[in-house]
Amino acid sequence: MKVSSTLGGLAGAAALTLVNEGVRKVNVNAPRLDLLGQNALARFMKGNDIVSKTAQQFFPLAGDIISNSLYYGMSRGNNATETFIRGAFLGLGAGIGAVVLPGKVGLAESPTNRTNQTKVMTVAWYLIGGLVAAAVINALDNYSKPEVDELKNTAVSKSKNVAKNIVKQVAQTV
């Protein structure tokens, strides 16, 4: 994984978390993505009381940041446009998944499905994360642009040919 993908993924995860936590403080209908992560972790750790209690206290935020960073890090494409498209689709996919899947995998649906407003915000927050990840990746990456490289190579070879012709003409006149 490229450094730009890692940093972009981290930026997307941070944006998702900051937006979610910020809005959660002022809007009662805001999604509780933190609870969704805690429920998933608790279900995964079920049966191991010591690890489960420690994990529920300390790991949810870190787990969310790490998993979302890795996920959003996949936004990088072959060019800037493709990266934005991938970031948007990854964000939409995660948001729709966070709304649709919890009940189907045995998790509480209320953190992301309480109201229609909650559902829309859930999808929007994940979309924002994907777009931020793509923007950071694009800002850090230097994509090779084949059409520019081809144009440069053509210009250089034509310049060399012109220079050779000038040298020949000068040599013939001397």
Protein backbone atom coordinates (compact mmCIF):
# COMPACT_ATOMS: atom_id res chain seq x y z
CA MET A 1 0.00 0.00 0.00
CA LYS A 2 1.37 3.42 -0.93
CA VAL A 3 1.95 6.08 1.71
CA SER A 4 -0.59 8.31 -0.01
CA SER A 5 -3.22 5.58 0.29
CA THR A 6 -2.42 5.06 3.96
CA LEU A 7 -2.56 8.77 4.76
CA GLY A 8 -5.67 9.24 2.63
CA GLY A 9 -7.37 6.33 4.38
CA LEU A 10 -6.45 7.78 7.76
CA ALA A 11 -7.78 11.21 6.74
CA GLY A 12 -11.05 9.68 5.54
CA ALA A 13 -11.45 7.71 8.76
CA ALA A 14 -10.68 10.80 10.83
CA ALA A 15 -13.19 12.87 8.85
CA LEU A 16 -15.88 10.22 9.33
CA THR A 17 -15.21 10.05 13.07
CA LEU A 18 -15.04 13.83 13.55
CA VAL A 19 -18.24 14.48 11.63
CA ASN A 20 -20.05 11.68 13.44
CA GLU A 21 -18.91 12.75 16.91
CA GLY A 22 -19.50 16.44 16.23
CA VAL A 23 -23.03 16.05 14.94
CA ARG A 24 -23.85 13.45 17.59
CA LYS A 25 -23.33 16.13 20.27
CA VAL A 26 -25.96 18.45 18.78
CA ASN A 27 -28.48 16.22 16.96
CA VAL A 28 -30.44 13.46 18.71
CA ASN A 29 -31.11 11.75 15.36
CA ALA A 30 -27.42 11.51 14.48
CA PRO A 31 -26.17 7.98 13.84
CA ARG A 32 -24.28 6.25 16.64
CA LEU A 33 -21.51 4.67 14.61
CA ASP A 34 -19.53 4.26 17.81
CA LEU A 35 -22.26 1.98 19.21
CA LEU A 36 -22.40 0.02 15.98
CA GLY A 37 -18.66 -0.64 16.28
CA GLN A 38 -18.95 -1.54 19.96
CA ASN A 39 -21.80 -3.97 19.27
CA ALA A 40 -19.82 -5.65 16.49
CA LEU A 41 -16.74 -5.91 18.71
CA ALA A 42 -18.75 -7.28 21.63
CA ARG A 43 -20.33 -9.91 19.41
CA PHE A 44 -16.95 -10.90 18.00
CA MET A 45 -15.36 -11.10 21.47
CA LYS A 46 -18.29 -12.91 23.11
CA GLY A 47 -17.16 -15.60 25.55
CA ASN A 48 -13.87 -14.00 26.54
CA ASP A 49 -14.85 -11.78 29.49
CA ILE A 50 -11.44 -10.24 30.26
CA VAL A 51 -10.60 -9.37 26.67
CA SER A 52 -14.18 -8.35 25.98
CA LYS A 53 -14.35 -5.80 28.84
CA THR A 54 -10.96 -4.35 27.97
CA ALA A 55 -11.83 -4.25 24.27
CA GLN A 56 -15.16 -2.53 24.93
CA GLN A 57 -13.41 0.19 26.94
CA PHE A 58 -10.35 0.91 24.86
CA PHE A 59 -10.53 -0.55 21.37
CA PRO A 60 -13.75 0.69 19.71
CA LEU A 61 -12.40 4.07 18.59
CA ALA A 62 -9.00 2.65 17.64
CA GLY A 63 -10.65 -0.27 15.86
CA ASP A 64 -12.94 2.07 13.94
CA ILE A 65 -10.07 4.32 12.90
CA ILE A 66 -7.85 1.40 11.84
CA SER A 67 -10.52 -0.52 9.96
CA ASN A 68 -11.89 2.60 8.25
CA SER A 69 -8.35 3.73 7.36
CA LEU A 70 -7.62 0.42 5.67
CA TYR A 71 -10.97 0.49 3.91
CA TYR A 72 -10.69 4.08 2.64
CA GLY A 73 -7.07 3.47 1.67
CA MET A 74 -8.42 1.37 -1.20
CA SER A 75 -9.69 4.57 -2.85
CA ARG A 76 -6.53 5.09 -4.91
CA GLY A 77 -7.07 4.62 -8.62
CA ASN A 78 -4.92 5.05 -11.71
CA ASN A 79 -5.69 8.76 -11.94
CA ALA A 80 -7.33 11.53 -9.91
CA THR A 81 -10.79 11.07 -11.41
CA GLU A 82 -10.76 7.33 -10.82
CA THR A 83 -9.63 7.92 -7.24
CA PHE A 84 -12.58 10.26 -6.58
CA ILE A 85 -15.01 7.78 -8.11
CA ARG A 86 -13.58 4.92 -6.05
CA GLY A 87 -13.68 7.02 -2.88
CA ALA A 88 -17.30 7.92 -3.52
CA PHE A 89 -18.34 4.33 -4.22
CA LEU A 90 -16.46 3.01 -1.19
CA GLY A 91 -18.12 5.65 1.00
CA LEU A 92 -21.58 4.93 -0.41
CA GLY A 93 -21.05 1.19 -0.05
CA ALA A 94 -19.98 1.50 3.58
CA GLY A 95 -22.83 3.86 4.38
CA ILE A 96 -25.49 1.69 2.77
CA GLY A 97 -23.96 -1.35 4.42
CA ALA A 98 -24.08 0.35 7.83
CA VAL A 99 -27.79 0.99 7.32
CA VAL A 100 -28.83 -2.33 5.77
CA LEU A 101 -26.57 -4.98 7.32
CA PRO A 102 -26.68 -4.65 11.13
CA GLY A 103 -30.02 -6.42 11.57
CA LYS A 104 -29.04 -9.12 9.08
CA VAL A 105 -25.87 -9.99 11.00
CA GLY A 106 -27.50 -9.90 14.42
CA LEU A 107 -26.46 -6.41 15.54
CA ALA A 108 -28.74 -3.69 16.88
CA GLU A 109 -30.23 -1.63 14.06
CA SER A 110 -30.99 1.49 16.10
CA PRO A 111 -27.53 3.10 15.90
CA THR A 112 -27.95 3.65 12.15
CA ASN A 113 -31.66 3.06 11.47
CA ARG A 114 -33.55 5.07 14.13
CA THR A 115 -35.09 7.53 11.68
CA ASN A 116 -34.85 8.35 7.99
CA GLN A 117 -32.67 11.30 8.97
CA THR A 118 -30.33 8.90 10.80
CA LYS A 119 -30.11 6.68 7.72
CA VAL A 120 -29.31 9.61 5.43
CA MET A 121 -26.68 10.96 7.81
CA THR A 122 -25.08 7.51 8.11
CA VAL A 123 -24.65 7.25 4.35
CA ALA A 124 -23.52 10.88 4.12
CA TRP A 125 -20.84 10.48 6.82
CA TYR A 126 -19.32 7.46 5.12
CA LEU A 127 -19.48 9.23 1.74
CA ILE A 128 -17.67 12.22 3.25
CA GLY A 129 -15.00 9.85 4.55
CA GLY A 130 -14.52 8.35 1.09
CA LEU A 131 -14.29 11.73 -0.60
CA VAL A 132 -11.84 13.09 1.96
CA ALA A 133 -9.68 9.99 1.52
CA ALA A 134 -9.73 10.46 -2.26
CA ALA A 135 -8.91 14.16 -1.99
CA VAL A 136 -5.91 13.51 0.27
CA ILE A 137 -4.66 10.69 -1.95
CA ASN A 138 -4.95 12.96 -4.99
CA ALA A 139 -3.16 15.79 -3.18
CA LEU A 140 -0.26 13.51 -2.23
CA ASP A 141 0.01 11.41 -5.37
CA ASN A 142 1.78 12.31 -8.57
CA TYR A 143 -0.09 10.31 -11.17
CA SER A 144 1.69 9.52 -14.38
CA LYS A 145 -0.36 10.95 -17.21
CA PRO A 146 0.22 8.83 -20.32
CA GLU A 147 -0.98 11.50 -22.74
CA VAL A 148 1.42 14.07 -21.26
CA ASP A 149 4.32 11.58 -21.23
CA GLU A 150 3.61 10.61 -24.85
CA LEU A 151 3.39 14.25 -25.90
CA LYS A 152 6.68 15.02 -24.14
CA ASN A 153 8.44 12.05 -25.77
CA THR A 154 7.11 13.05 -29.19
CA ALA A 155 8.23 16.65 -28.70
CA VAL A 156 11.71 15.55 -27.61
CA SER A 157 12.17 13.17 -30.56
CA LYS A 158 10.91 15.78 -33.05
CA SER A 159 13.24 18.37 -31.51
CA LYS A 160 16.16 15.99 -31.94
CA ASN A 161 15.21 15.42 -35.58
CA VAL A 162 14.91 19.16 -36.20
CA ALA A 163 18.31 19.72 -34.53
CA LYS A 164 19.90 16.99 -36.69
CA ASN A 165 18.45 18.55 -39.84
CA ILE A 166 19.77 21.98 -38.86
CA VAL A 167 23.23 20.53 -38.21
CA LYS A 168 23.16 18.77 -41.62
CA GLN A 169 22.14 21.97 -43.39
CA VAL A 170 24.81 23.98 -41.63
CA ALA A 171 27.42 21.30 -42.46
CA GLN A 172 26.38 21.35 -46.14
CA THR A 173 26.72 25.12 -46.37
CA VAL A 174 30.15 25.20 -44.81
